[in-house]
Amino acid sequence: MHRQLLYIILIVLATSCRPSKIVRADDVLYPMKTDTLGIDSVVYKMILPYKTTVDATMGEQLVNSAIEFPAPDRKNIATESLLGNMLADIFLEAGRNAYKPTDGRNVDFVLMNTGGIRTSLPKGAITTRNVFEVLPFDNRLTVITLSGDSAVALFNYIAKKGGDPVAGLQVGIKEKTG
């Protein structure tokens, strides 16, 4: 009896470890009609004061730009752009103003992840909403200390990727490898 149970368990284990094949897969789209849902008046009344404040703040004009700042090319994410470098310059200034270590060292440079830039800044009026659309994530500036060898390795990585927005230094790429 125990031997038969052991054989059954072994057969189940042996057959269950084989790769499976997809015999058929159907993709069905079920449309959702959102226009028939209506507004939940209780929730709407609850959030209305916050929405009104946020809408007023988001519409505030911060600056008038003489040029458009296009977003980086999404197909080639590892690339510099006017917008990316401007943001890196802003982050460098913010980092230098905010970071006051006791050893007297300061922020030397900024490297920015281009992937966080989500859209362009328009020519003309730039509002708070535009800034939130460009940088929609709650990212933070992070200060790290690098050895000379680690900095060189970082610069080589940037070069291998084809560039990233930087401020406080210039990285020249002789030829892209990899």
C-alpha atoms as a PDB file:
ATOM      1  CA  MET A   1       0.000   0.000   0.000  1.00  0.00           C
ATOM      2  CA  HIS A   2       2.750   2.458   0.950  1.00  0.00           C
ATOM      3  CA  ARG A   3       4.736   1.417  -2.096  1.00  0.00           C
ATOM      4  CA  GLN A   4       1.752   2.140  -4.423  1.00  0.00           C
ATOM      5  CA  LEU A   5       1.301   5.591  -2.833  1.00  0.00           C
ATOM      6  CA  LEU A   6       5.018   6.296  -3.312  1.00  0.00           C
ATOM      7  CA  TYR A   7       4.781   5.309  -7.009  1.00  0.00           C
ATOM      8  CA  ILE A   8       1.771   7.575  -7.503  1.00  0.00           C
ATOM      9  CA  ILE A   9       3.582  10.494  -5.858  1.00  0.00           C
ATOM     10  CA  LEU A  10       6.664   9.880  -8.024  1.00  0.00           C
ATOM     11  CA  ILE A  11       4.557   9.729 -11.205  1.00  0.00           C
ATOM     12  CA  VAL A  12       2.771  12.967 -10.287  1.00  0.00           C
ATOM     13  CA  LEU A  13       6.075  14.683  -9.513  1.00  0.00           C
ATOM     14  CA  ALA A  14       7.720  13.427 -12.695  1.00  0.00           C
ATOM     15  CA  THR A  15       4.865  14.520 -14.932  1.00  0.00           C
ATOM     16  CA  SER A  16       4.303  17.854 -13.197  1.00  0.00           C
ATOM     17  CA  CYS A  17       7.892  19.006 -13.824  1.00  0.00           C
ATOM     18  CA  ARG A  18       7.607  18.836 -17.596  1.00  0.00           C
ATOM     19  CA  PRO A  19       7.334  22.143 -19.420  1.00  0.00           C
ATOM     20  CA  SER A  20       3.793  22.935 -20.428  1.00  0.00           C
ATOM     21  CA  LYS A  21       2.613  24.061 -23.837  1.00  0.00           C
ATOM     22  CA  ILE A  22       0.003  26.703 -24.446  1.00  0.00           C
ATOM     23  CA  VAL A  23      -2.571  25.017 -26.627  1.00  0.00           C
ATOM     24  CA  ARG A  24      -4.855  28.020 -27.072  1.00  0.00           C
ATOM     25  CA  ALA A  25      -4.974  31.579 -25.823  1.00  0.00           C
ATOM     26  CA  ASP A  26      -7.807  33.984 -26.453  1.00  0.00           C
ATOM     27  CA  ASP A  27      -7.513  37.705 -25.923  1.00  0.00           C
ATOM     28  CA  VAL A  28     -10.856  39.341 -25.319  1.00  0.00           C
ATOM     29  CA  LEU A  29     -11.348  43.049 -24.773  1.00  0.00           C
ATOM     30  CA  TYR A  30     -14.244  43.994 -22.549  1.00  0.00           C
ATOM     31  CA  PRO A  31     -15.009  47.698 -22.994  1.00  0.00           C
ATOM     32  CA  MET A  32     -15.901  49.646 -19.884  1.00  0.00           C
ATOM     33  CA  LYS A  33     -18.370  52.487 -20.143  1.00  0.00           C
ATOM     34  CA  THR A  34     -17.102  55.138 -17.789  1.00  0.00           C
ATOM     35  CA  ASP A  35     -19.578  57.790 -18.862  1.00  0.00           C
ATOM     36  CA  THR A  36     -22.434  55.917 -17.186  1.00  0.00           C
ATOM     37  CA  LEU A  37     -20.777  55.742 -13.776  1.00  0.00           C
ATOM     38  CA  GLY A  38     -21.583  59.286 -12.721  1.00  0.00           C
ATOM     39  CA  ILE A  39     -20.008  61.176  -9.853  1.00  0.00           C
ATOM     40  CA  ASP A  40     -20.183  59.977  -6.290  1.00  0.00           C
ATOM     41  CA  SER A  41     -21.446  63.186  -4.685  1.00  0.00           C
ATOM     42  CA  VAL A  42     -20.265  62.277  -1.187  1.00  0.00           C
ATOM     43  CA  VAL A  43     -16.700  61.650  -2.344  1.00  0.00           C
ATOM     44  CA  TYR A  44     -16.772  64.647  -4.678  1.00  0.00           C
ATOM     45  CA  LYS A  45     -17.848  66.977  -1.854  1.00  0.00           C
ATOM     46  CA  MET A  46     -15.125  65.535   0.349  1.00  0.00           C
ATOM     47  CA  ILE A  47     -12.295  66.141  -2.139  1.00  0.00           C
ATOM     48  CA  LEU A  48     -13.578  69.408  -3.666  1.00  0.00           C
ATOM     49  CA  PRO A  49     -11.737  71.735  -1.227  1.00  0.00           C
ATOM     50  CA  TYR A  50      -8.444  69.924  -1.921  1.00  0.00           C
ATOM     51  CA  LYS A  51      -9.076  69.831  -5.673  1.00  0.00           C
ATOM     52  CA  THR A  52      -9.802  73.567  -5.747  1.00  0.00           C
ATOM     53  CA  THR A  53      -6.571  74.352  -3.890  1.00  0.00           C
ATOM     54  CA  VAL A  54      -4.473  72.013  -6.030  1.00  0.00           C
ATOM     55  CA  ASP A  55      -5.979  73.328  -9.276  1.00  0.00           C
ATOM     56  CA  ALA A  56      -5.224  76.924  -8.246  1.00  0.00           C
ATOM     57  CA  THR A  57      -1.649  76.029  -7.310  1.00  0.00           C
ATOM     58  CA  MET A  58      -1.030  73.967 -10.427  1.00  0.00           C
ATOM     59  CA  GLY A  59      -2.112  76.792 -12.704  1.00  0.00           C
ATOM     60  CA  GLU A  60       0.376  79.249 -11.202  1.00  0.00           C
ATOM     61  CA  GLN A  61       2.865  80.539 -13.784  1.00  0.00           C
ATOM     62  CA  LEU A  62       6.454  80.096 -12.635  1.00  0.00           C
ATOM     63  CA  VAL A  63       8.351  81.517 -15.593  1.00  0.00           C
ATOM     64  CA  ASN A  64       7.980  82.503 -19.227  1.00  0.00           C
ATOM     65  CA  SER A  65      10.342  80.534 -21.469  1.00  0.00           C
ATOM     66  CA  ALA A  66      11.624  81.883 -24.775  1.00  0.00           C
ATOM     67  CA  ILE A  67      12.158  78.333 -26.078  1.00  0.00           C
ATOM     68  CA  GLU A  68      10.657  74.871 -25.790  1.00  0.00           C
ATOM     69  CA  PHE A  69      12.561  72.261 -23.774  1.00  0.00           C
ATOM     70  CA  PRO A  70      11.853  68.969 -25.564  1.00  0.00           C
ATOM     71  CA  ALA A  71      11.770  65.759 -23.572  1.00  0.00           C
ATOM     72  CA  PRO A  72      14.598  63.307 -24.206  1.00  0.00           C
ATOM     73  CA  ASP A  73      14.107  60.785 -26.977  1.00  0.00           C
ATOM     74  CA  ARG A  74      12.162  57.904 -25.331  1.00  0.00           C
ATOM     75  CA  LYS A  75      13.614  55.422 -27.839  1.00  0.00           C
ATOM     76  CA  ASN A  76      17.160  56.345 -26.812  1.00  0.00           C
ATOM     77  CA  ILE A  77      16.690  56.986 -23.103  1.00  0.00           C
ATOM     78  CA  ALA A  78      20.425  57.252 -22.379  1.00  0.00           C
ATOM     79  CA  THR A  79      20.956  60.582 -24.044  1.00  0.00           C
ATOM     80  CA  GLU A  80      21.534  64.132 -23.065  1.00  0.00           C
ATOM     81  CA  SER A  81      18.977  66.811 -23.767  1.00  0.00           C
ATOM     82  CA  LEU A  82      18.584  70.497 -23.183  1.00  0.00           C
ATOM     83  CA  LEU A  83      15.828  69.759 -20.655  1.00  0.00           C
ATOM     84  CA  GLY A  84      17.825  67.055 -18.875  1.00  0.00           C
ATOM     85  CA  ASN A  85      20.907  69.244 -18.544  1.00  0.00           C
ATOM     86  CA  MET A  86      18.856  72.205 -17.338  1.00  0.00           C
ATOM     87  CA  LEU A  87      17.230  70.000 -14.679  1.00  0.00           C
ATOM     88  CA  ALA A  88      20.648  68.670 -13.661  1.00  0.00           C
ATOM     89  CA  ASP A  89      21.849  72.294 -13.262  1.00  0.00           C
ATOM     90  CA  ILE A  90      18.812  73.070 -11.080  1.00  0.00           C
ATOM     91  CA  PHE A  91      19.414  69.942  -8.968  1.00  0.00           C
ATOM     92  CA  LEU A  92      23.095  70.848  -8.561  1.00  0.00           C
ATOM     93  CA  GLU A  93      22.187  74.279  -7.216  1.00  0.00           C
ATOM     94  CA  ALA A  94      19.513  72.780  -4.933  1.00  0.00           C
ATOM     95  CA  GLY A  95      21.955  70.146  -3.682  1.00  0.00           C
ATOM     96  CA  ARG A  96      24.638  72.724  -2.949  1.00  0.00           C
ATOM     97  CA  ASN A  97      22.117  74.883  -1.084  1.00  0.00           C
ATOM     98  CA  ALA A  98      20.595  72.049   0.942  1.00  0.00           C
ATOM     99  CA  TYR A  99      23.627  69.852   1.687  1.00  0.00           C
ATOM    100  CA  LYS A 100      25.875  71.387   4.334  1.00  0.00           C
ATOM    101  CA  PRO A 101      28.138  68.629   5.698  1.00  0.00           C
ATOM    102  CA  THR A 102      30.277  69.184   8.763  1.00  0.00           C
ATOM    103  CA  ASP A 103      33.479  68.283   6.891  1.00  0.00           C
ATOM    104  CA  GLY A 104      33.036  71.312   4.605  1.00  0.00           C
ATOM    105  CA  ARG A 105      32.818  69.268   1.409  1.00  0.00           C
ATOM    106  CA  ASN A 106      30.240  70.281  -1.117  1.00  0.00           C
ATOM    107  CA  VAL A 107      28.321  68.658  -3.925  1.00  0.00           C
ATOM    108  CA  ASP A 108      30.704  68.514  -6.895  1.00  0.00           C
ATOM    109  CA  PHE A 109      28.414  67.271  -9.637  1.00  0.00           C
ATOM    110  CA  VAL A 110      24.985  65.861 -10.430  1.00  0.00           C
ATOM    111  CA  LEU A 111      24.130  62.869 -12.559  1.00  0.00           C
ATOM    112  CA  MET A 112      20.491  62.575 -13.493  1.00  0.00           C
ATOM    113  CA  ASN A 113      18.447  59.592 -14.618  1.00  0.00           C
ATOM    114  CA  THR A 114      16.903  60.590 -17.934  1.00  0.00           C
ATOM    115  CA  GLY A 115      14.117  58.031 -17.472  1.00  0.00           C
ATOM    116  CA  GLY A 116      12.445  60.233 -14.876  1.00  0.00           C
ATOM    117  CA  ILE A 117      11.783  63.016 -17.391  1.00  0.00           C
ATOM    118  CA  ARG A 118       8.291  62.322 -18.719  1.00  0.00           C
ATOM    119  CA  THR A 119       7.411  65.200 -21.050  1.00  0.00           C
ATOM    120  CA  SER A 120       8.600  68.505 -22.517  1.00  0.00           C
ATOM    121  CA  LEU A 121       8.368  72.013 -21.155  1.00  0.00           C
ATOM    122  CA  PRO A 122       6.566  74.351 -23.558  1.00  0.00           C
ATOM    123  CA  LYS A 123       7.687  77.642 -25.029  1.00  0.00           C
ATOM    124  CA  GLY A 124       5.902  80.439 -23.186  1.00  0.00           C
ATOM    125  CA  ALA A 125       4.215  80.165 -19.814  1.00  0.00           C
ATOM    126  CA  ILE A 126       5.506  77.324 -17.649  1.00  0.00           C
ATOM    127  CA  THR A 127       3.236  76.443 -14.746  1.00  0.00           C
ATOM    128  CA  THR A 128       3.570  74.329 -11.643  1.00  0.00           C
ATOM    129  CA  ARG A 129       1.479  71.702 -13.459  1.00  0.00           C
ATOM    130  CA  ASN A 130       4.062  71.574 -16.272  1.00  0.00           C
ATOM    131  CA  VAL A 131       6.837  70.905 -13.762  1.00  0.00           C
ATOM    132  CA  PHE A 132       4.854  68.111 -12.117  1.00  0.00           C
ATOM    133  CA  GLU A 133       4.169  66.616 -15.534  1.00  0.00           C
ATOM    134  CA  VAL A 134       7.885  66.669 -16.418  1.00  0.00           C
ATOM    135  CA  LEU A 135       8.931  65.162 -13.073  1.00  0.00           C
ATOM    136  CA  PRO A 136       5.871  63.286 -11.763  1.00  0.00           C
ATOM    137  CA  PHE A 137       7.726  61.069  -9.309  1.00  0.00           C
ATOM    138  CA  ASP A 138       8.539  61.863  -5.703  1.00  0.00           C
ATOM    139  CA  ASN A 139      12.285  61.506  -6.224  1.00  0.00           C
ATOM    140  CA  ARG A 140      14.886  62.825  -3.846  1.00  0.00           C
ATOM    141  CA  LEU A 141      18.367  64.149  -4.319  1.00  0.00           C
ATOM    142  CA  THR A 142      20.870  61.670  -2.938  1.00  0.00           C
ATOM    143  CA  VAL A 143      24.418  62.652  -2.042  1.00  0.00           C
ATOM    144  CA  ILE A 144      27.119  60.002  -2.197  1.00  0.00           C
ATOM    145  CA  THR A 145      30.876  60.133  -1.798  1.00  0.00           C
ATOM    146  CA  LEU A 146      32.890  58.409  -4.510  1.00  0.00           C
ATOM    147  CA  SER A 147      36.535  57.471  -4.664  1.00  0.00           C
ATOM    148  CA  GLY A 148      38.457  58.584  -7.735  1.00  0.00           C
ATOM    149  CA  ASP A 149      38.317  55.046  -9.159  1.00  0.00           C
ATOM    150  CA  SER A 150      34.550  54.849  -8.576  1.00  0.00           C
ATOM    151  CA  ALA A 151      34.043  58.225 -10.275  1.00  0.00           C
ATOM    152  CA  VAL A 152      36.031  57.036 -13.311  1.00  0.00           C
ATOM    153  CA  ALA A 153      33.951  53.826 -13.406  1.00  0.00           C
ATOM    154  CA  LEU A 154      30.765  55.933 -13.250  1.00  0.00           C
ATOM    155  CA  PHE A 155      31.944  58.164 -16.106  1.00  0.00           C
ATOM    156  CA  ASN A 156      32.846  55.100 -18.183  1.00  0.00           C
ATOM    157  CA  TYR A 157      29.354  53.720 -17.533  1.00  0.00           C
ATOM    158  CA  ILE A 158      27.789  57.018 -18.662  1.00  0.00           C
ATOM    159  CA  ALA A 159      29.937  56.907 -21.810  1.00  0.00           C
ATOM    160  CA  LYS A 160      28.968  53.292 -22.511  1.00  0.00           C
ATOM    161  CA  LYS A 161      25.265  54.227 -22.241  1.00  0.00           C
ATOM    162  CA  GLY A 162      25.756  57.139 -24.623  1.00  0.00           C
ATOM    163  CA  GLY A 163      25.418  59.942 -22.085  1.00  0.00           C
ATOM    164  CA  ASP A 164      23.160  61.172 -19.325  1.00  0.00           C
ATOM    165  CA  PRO A 165      22.353  64.677 -18.078  1.00  0.00           C
ATOM    166  CA  VAL A 166      25.097  66.000 -15.823  1.00  0.00           C
ATOM    167  CA  ALA A 167      25.939  69.282 -14.139  1.00  0.00           C
ATOM    168  CA  GLY A 168      29.141  70.485 -12.502  1.00  0.00           C
ATOM    169  CA  LEU A 169      31.379  68.584 -14.921  1.00  0.00           C
ATOM    170  CA  GLN A 170      31.797  67.700 -18.555  1.00  0.00           C
ATOM    171  CA  VAL A 171      32.044  64.113 -19.749  1.00  0.00           C
ATOM    172  CA  GLY A 172      33.447  63.697 -23.238  1.00  0.00           C
ATOM    173  CA  ILE A 173      32.613  60.478 -25.071  1.00  0.00           C
ATOM    174  CA  LYS A 174      35.271  59.566 -27.637  1.00  0.00           C
ATOM    175  CA  GLU A 175      33.459  56.533 -28.964  1.00  0.00           C
ATOM    176  CA  LYS A 176      30.493  54.554 -27.768  1.00  0.00           C
ATOM    177  CA  THR A 177      31.317  50.961 -26.959  1.00  0.00           C
ATOM    178  CA  GLY A 178      29.058  48.009 -26.230  1.00  0.00           C
END
